[in-house]
Amino acid sequence: MIARYEAAQEEEKLFIEKVNQRKDMSIKTYFEKFIKDNSISPEGNWAETEKNPIPDNDLFEEETLRASFKSMRAEAIVSILSSIDKENIVEIDSVVLRKEEALIALDLVLTMKKFKKVVEET
């Protein structure tokens, strides 16, 4: 039981260090760089993001970005998802695939945990 507690403490410490390293990065900034580096173009208004509280957590909030890609092949979708997963910066919250004739449409929801901004009252 002590070993599990210590492992959980170490995992929490690593997670906080990871969030600290990217504290000045927004999910929008990450995604802009990602689509440029991968030469892909999402559809519609992907630039709108949301910030949502994490239940029972006073330290973090989630920043969410939704993006859609149309007329894709399976290989391209696998490449996108693998790249996101490998970078370990954002989390893939949901993936929806829809068949469009011979190709596939991909709807993607990405999240990034961030420290909550605290406004001190004076």
Foldseek 3Di string as FASTA:
>chain_A
DVVVVVVVVVVVVVVVVLQVVCQVPDVLNVVVVLCVVVVADWDDDQNDKDWAQDPPDQWKIKIKTKTKHPFAAPVVVVVSVVVVVVVPAKDWPDWDWDDDPPGIMIITMIMGMHTDDDDDDD
